[in-house]
C-alpha atoms as a PDB file:
ATOM      1  CA  MET A   1      25.393   9.568  11.774  1.00  0.00           C
ATOM      2  CA  THR A   2      27.159  10.094   8.551  1.00  0.00           C
ATOM      3  CA  LEU A   3      24.989   9.228   5.102  1.00  0.00           C
ATOM      4  CA  PRO A   4      26.266   6.568   2.971  1.00  0.00           C
ATOM      5  CA  ILE A   5      25.591   8.614   0.292  1.00  0.00           C
ATOM      6  CA  ASP A   6      25.394  12.745  -0.317  1.00  0.00           C
ATOM      7  CA  PRO A   7      22.225  13.737  -1.131  1.00  0.00           C
ATOM      8  CA  SER A   8      23.928  16.778  -3.313  1.00  0.00           C
ATOM      9  CA  GLN A   9      25.300  14.300  -5.343  1.00  0.00           C
ATOM     10  CA  ILE A  10      22.324  12.675  -6.640  1.00  0.00           C
ATOM     11  CA  ASP A  11      20.922  13.646  -9.610  1.00  0.00           C
ATOM     12  CA  PRO A  12      16.978  13.937  -9.951  1.00  0.00           C
ATOM     13  CA  ASP A  13      16.986  11.092 -12.385  1.00  0.00           C
ATOM     14  CA  ASP A  14      18.646   8.882  -9.668  1.00  0.00           C
ATOM     15  CA  ILE A  15      15.546   8.993  -7.719  1.00  0.00           C
ATOM     16  CA  GLY A  16      13.257   9.226 -10.720  1.00  0.00           C
ATOM     17  CA  GLU A  17      12.298  12.671  -9.632  1.00  0.00           C
ATOM     18  CA  GLN A  18       9.335  14.124 -12.192  1.00  0.00           C
ATOM     19  CA  GLN A  19       7.714  17.021 -11.669  1.00  0.00           C
ATOM     20  CA  THR A  20       5.304  19.590 -13.725  1.00  0.00           C
ATOM     21  CA  THR A  21       2.518  22.196 -12.788  1.00  0.00           C
ATOM     22  CA  LEU A  22      -0.754  21.985 -13.744  1.00  0.00           C
ATOM     23  CA  GLU A  23      -2.887  25.743 -14.552  1.00  0.00           C
ATOM     24  CA  MET A  24      -6.080  24.534 -12.906  1.00  0.00           C
ATOM     25  CA  GLY A  25      -7.637  24.728  -9.213  1.00  0.00           C
ATOM     26  CA  HIS A  26      -6.823  22.258  -6.413  1.00  0.00           C
ATOM     27  CA  GLU A  27      -9.454  20.212  -6.495  1.00  0.00           C
ATOM     28  CA  GLU A  28      -9.504  19.794 -10.388  1.00  0.00           C
ATOM     29  CA  ALA A  29      -5.810  19.373 -10.393  1.00  0.00           C
ATOM     30  CA  ILE A  30      -6.163  16.284  -7.691  1.00  0.00           C
ATOM     31  CA  GLU A  31      -9.215  14.571  -9.726  1.00  0.00           C
ATOM     32  CA  HIS A  32      -7.042  15.390 -13.289  1.00  0.00           C
ATOM     33  CA  VAL A  33      -3.889  13.236 -11.401  1.00  0.00           C
ATOM     34  CA  ARG A  34      -6.125  10.912 -10.471  1.00  0.00           C
ATOM     35  CA  GLU A  35      -7.711   9.535 -13.702  1.00  0.00           C
ATOM     36  CA  VAL A  36      -4.087  10.068 -15.321  1.00  0.00           C
ATOM     37  CA  PHE A  37      -2.345   7.797 -12.767  1.00  0.00           C
ATOM     38  CA  THR A  38      -5.173   5.366 -12.841  1.00  0.00           C
ATOM     39  CA  ASP A  39      -5.339   5.136 -16.771  1.00  0.00           C
ATOM     40  CA  ALA A  40      -1.393   4.513 -16.410  1.00  0.00           C
ATOM     41  CA  GLY A  41      -2.033   1.337 -14.520  1.00  0.00           C
ATOM     42  CA  PHE A  42      -1.795   2.670 -11.238  1.00  0.00           C
ATOM     43  CA  GLY A  43      -4.573   2.556  -8.112  1.00  0.00           C
ATOM     44  CA  VAL A  44      -4.984   5.012  -5.807  1.00  0.00           C
ATOM     45  CA  PRO A  45      -5.821   3.049  -2.525  1.00  0.00           C
ATOM     46  CA  VAL A  46      -4.552   5.893  -0.189  1.00  0.00           C
ATOM     47  CA  GLU A  47      -5.105   9.600   0.010  1.00  0.00           C
ATOM     48  CA  PHE A  48      -4.901  12.401   2.274  1.00  0.00           C
ATOM     49  CA  SER A  49      -4.619  15.893   2.600  1.00  0.00           C
ATOM     50  CA  PRO A  50      -1.440  16.891   5.081  1.00  0.00           C
ATOM     51  CA  SER A  51      -2.213  20.600   4.745  1.00  0.00           C
ATOM     52  CA  GLU A  52      -5.758  19.950   6.195  1.00  0.00           C
ATOM     53  CA  MET A  53      -4.796  17.985   9.108  1.00  0.00           C
ATOM     54  CA  LEU A  54      -1.533  20.562   9.640  1.00  0.00           C
ATOM     55  CA  ASN A  55      -3.814  23.328   9.517  1.00  0.00           C
ATOM     56  CA  GLU A  56      -6.499  21.868  12.027  1.00  0.00           C
ATOM     57  CA  LYS A  57      -4.215  20.164  14.358  1.00  0.00           C
ATOM     58  CA  ALA A  58      -1.130  22.867  14.356  1.00  0.00           C
ATOM     59  CA  ASP A  59      -2.754  25.479  13.153  1.00  0.00           C
ATOM     60  CA  ALA A  60       0.033  25.749  10.315  1.00  0.00           C
ATOM     61  CA  GLY A  61      -1.645  27.744   7.901  1.00  0.00           C
ATOM     62  CA  ARG A  62      -0.452  25.566   4.750  1.00  0.00           C
ATOM     63  CA  ASP A  63      -1.793  26.382   1.317  1.00  0.00           C
ATOM     64  CA  PRO A  64      -3.345  23.279  -0.202  1.00  0.00           C
ATOM     65  CA  TYR A  65      -1.170  20.077  -0.421  1.00  0.00           C
ATOM     66  CA  TYR A  66      -2.457  16.506  -1.345  1.00  0.00           C
ATOM     67  CA  VAL A  67      -0.804  13.303  -1.504  1.00  0.00           C
ATOM     68  CA  LEU A  68      -2.327  10.554  -3.541  1.00  0.00           C
ATOM     69  CA  GLY A  69      -0.511   6.937  -3.130  1.00  0.00           C
ATOM     70  CA  ALA A  70      -0.547   5.160  -6.328  1.00  0.00           C
ATOM     71  CA  CYS A  71       0.026   1.346  -6.684  1.00  0.00           C
ATOM     72  CA  ASN A  72       0.153  -0.729  -9.490  1.00  0.00           C
ATOM     73  CA  PRO A  73      -0.255  -4.574  -7.556  1.00  0.00           C
ATOM     74  CA  GLU A  74       1.435  -6.367  -9.806  1.00  0.00           C
ATOM     75  CA  VAL A  75       4.505  -4.267  -9.684  1.00  0.00           C
ATOM     76  CA  ALA A  76       4.069  -4.260  -5.991  1.00  0.00           C
ATOM     77  CA  ASP A  77       3.752  -7.941  -5.548  1.00  0.00           C
ATOM     78  CA  ARG A  78       6.875  -8.275  -7.469  1.00  0.00           C
ATOM     79  CA  ALA A  79       8.691  -5.492  -5.656  1.00  0.00           C
ATOM     80  CA  LEU A  80       7.789  -7.442  -2.074  1.00  0.00           C
ATOM     81  CA  ASP A  81       9.318 -10.609  -3.308  1.00  0.00           C
ATOM     82  CA  ALA A  82      12.331  -8.718  -4.423  1.00  0.00           C
ATOM     83  CA  THR A  83      13.240  -7.192  -1.360  1.00  0.00           C
ATOM     84  CA  ASP A  84      12.267 -10.036   1.312  1.00  0.00           C
ATOM     85  CA  ASN A  85       9.361  -7.403   2.092  1.00  0.00           C
ATOM     86  CA  THR A  86      11.267  -4.521   2.939  1.00  0.00           C
ATOM     87  CA  LEU A  87       9.953  -1.912   0.271  1.00  0.00           C
ATOM     88  CA  GLY A  88       6.519  -2.120   1.977  1.00  0.00           C
ATOM     89  CA  ALA A  89       7.876   0.220   4.594  1.00  0.00           C
ATOM     90  CA  LEU A  90       7.692   2.583   1.099  1.00  0.00           C
ATOM     91  CA  MET A  91       4.586   1.762  -0.230  1.00  0.00           C
ATOM     92  CA  PRO A  92       2.567   3.176  -1.751  1.00  0.00           C
ATOM     93  CA  CYS A  93       4.182   5.150  -4.457  1.00  0.00           C
ATOM     94  CA  ASN A  94       3.568   8.641  -3.505  1.00  0.00           C
ATOM     95  CA  VAL A  95       2.171  11.548  -6.351  1.00  0.00           C
ATOM     96  CA  VAL A  96       1.873  15.217  -4.510  1.00  0.00           C
ATOM     97  CA  VAL A  97      -0.111  18.052  -5.879  1.00  0.00           C
ATOM     98  CA  TRP A  98       0.145  21.325  -3.947  1.00  0.00           C
ATOM     99  CA  GLU A  99      -0.853  24.814  -4.583  1.00  0.00           C
ATOM    100  CA  GLU A 100       2.374  26.906  -5.580  1.00  0.00           C
ATOM    101  CA  GLU A 101      -0.302  29.765  -6.140  1.00  0.00           C
ATOM    102  CA  PRO A 102      -4.176  29.985  -6.926  1.00  0.00           C
ATOM    103  CA  GLY A 103      -4.361  28.180 -10.147  1.00  0.00           C
ATOM    104  CA  VAL A 104      -1.146  26.800 -10.552  1.00  0.00           C
ATOM    105  CA  GLN A 105      -0.420  23.313  -8.903  1.00  0.00           C
ATOM    106  CA  ARG A 106       2.873  21.354  -8.599  1.00  0.00           C
ATOM    107  CA  VAL A 107       2.685  17.631  -9.113  1.00  0.00           C
ATOM    108  CA  TYR A 108       5.600  16.172  -7.837  1.00  0.00           C
ATOM    109  CA  HIS A 109       6.942  11.902  -7.424  1.00  0.00           C
ATOM    110  CA  VAL A 110      10.062  10.416  -7.044  1.00  0.00           C
ATOM    111  CA  SER A 111      10.450   6.268  -7.777  1.00  0.00           C
ATOM    112  CA  ILE A 112      10.473   4.293  -4.356  1.00  0.00           C
ATOM    113  CA  MET A 113      11.970   2.023  -6.433  1.00  0.00           C
ATOM    114  CA  ARG A 114      14.884   3.698  -7.271  1.00  0.00           C
ATOM    115  CA  ILE A 115      15.561   5.026  -3.715  1.00  0.00           C
ATOM    116  CA  ALA A 116      15.102   1.680  -2.508  1.00  0.00           C
ATOM    117  CA  ARG A 117      18.000   0.850  -4.369  1.00  0.00           C
ATOM    118  CA  LEU A 118      20.468   3.811  -3.281  1.00  0.00           C
ATOM    119  CA  ALA A 119      19.340   3.343   0.179  1.00  0.00           C
ATOM    120  CA  GLY A 120      20.147  -0.581   0.085  1.00  0.00           C
ATOM    121  CA  MET A 121      16.618  -1.613   0.754  1.00  0.00           C
ATOM    122  CA  ALA A 122      16.399  -3.258  -2.905  1.00  0.00           C
ATOM    123  CA  PRO A 123      18.987  -5.694  -4.706  1.00  0.00           C
ATOM    124  CA  ASP A 124      20.954  -4.218  -7.671  1.00  0.00           C
ATOM    125  CA  ASP A 125      20.171  -6.890  -9.744  1.00  0.00           C
ATOM    126  CA  ASP A 126      18.077  -7.432 -12.772  1.00  0.00           C
ATOM    127  CA  VAL A 127      14.706  -8.498 -11.449  1.00  0.00           C
ATOM    128  CA  MET A 128      14.978  -5.014  -9.576  1.00  0.00           C
ATOM    129  CA  ALA A 129      16.077  -3.525 -12.436  1.00  0.00           C
ATOM    130  CA  ASP A 130      13.128  -4.964 -14.640  1.00  0.00           C
ATOM    131  CA  ILE A 131      10.711  -3.475 -11.458  1.00  0.00           C
ATOM    132  CA  VAL A 132      12.453   0.403 -12.121  1.00  0.00           C
ATOM    133  CA  ALA A 133      12.034   0.155 -15.430  1.00  0.00           C
ATOM    134  CA  ASP A 134       8.235  -1.084 -15.406  1.00  0.00           C
ATOM    135  CA  THR A 135       7.196   1.460 -12.741  1.00  0.00           C
ATOM    136  CA  GLY A 136       9.339   4.099 -14.624  1.00  0.00           C
ATOM    137  CA  GLU A 137       7.331   3.627 -18.211  1.00  0.00           C
ATOM    138  CA  MET A 138       4.236   3.838 -16.227  1.00  0.00           C
ATOM    139  CA  VAL A 139       4.969   6.918 -14.653  1.00  0.00           C
ATOM    140  CA  ASP A 140       6.588   8.695 -17.385  1.00  0.00           C
ATOM    141  CA  GLU A 141       3.581   7.715 -19.206  1.00  0.00           C
ATOM    142  CA  ALA A 142       1.254   9.377 -16.505  1.00  0.00           C
ATOM    143  CA  PHE A 143       3.560  12.549 -17.012  1.00  0.00           C
ATOM    144  CA  GLU A 144       3.698  12.659 -20.550  1.00  0.00           C
ATOM    145  CA  SER A 145      -0.217  12.572 -20.061  1.00  0.00           C
ATOM    146  CA  LEU A 146      -0.558  15.377 -17.264  1.00  0.00           C
END
């Protein structure tokens, strides 16, 4: 299969990539990220630890790794309408926290709204541009507060 785009040519801004590090313990970082994203207008309806599951089921020996599934209901509703419901396959917007070393946590996020446009799952129109802008502002606010 040939990809329709060259991943090496994608600028991190094209996918809304944001990341930072926090100097704190893993559990403390998870709580902090949850609070900051909630304050920025997101709910966190889904949370899970892939590292716990992989360590238990596959004896993977992974360092702490946690996913917070953040969602703003009003924006999610608009995005589903704008994409004839297909964007739901990418929901919720995930914010990932992993331990780079004890006391140092990486927080990482990419915009599912931007990725959906690049992948052709969402239209490249004014409605979707407004949704991308709204979620981008919320994520920017959260990362500024981290």
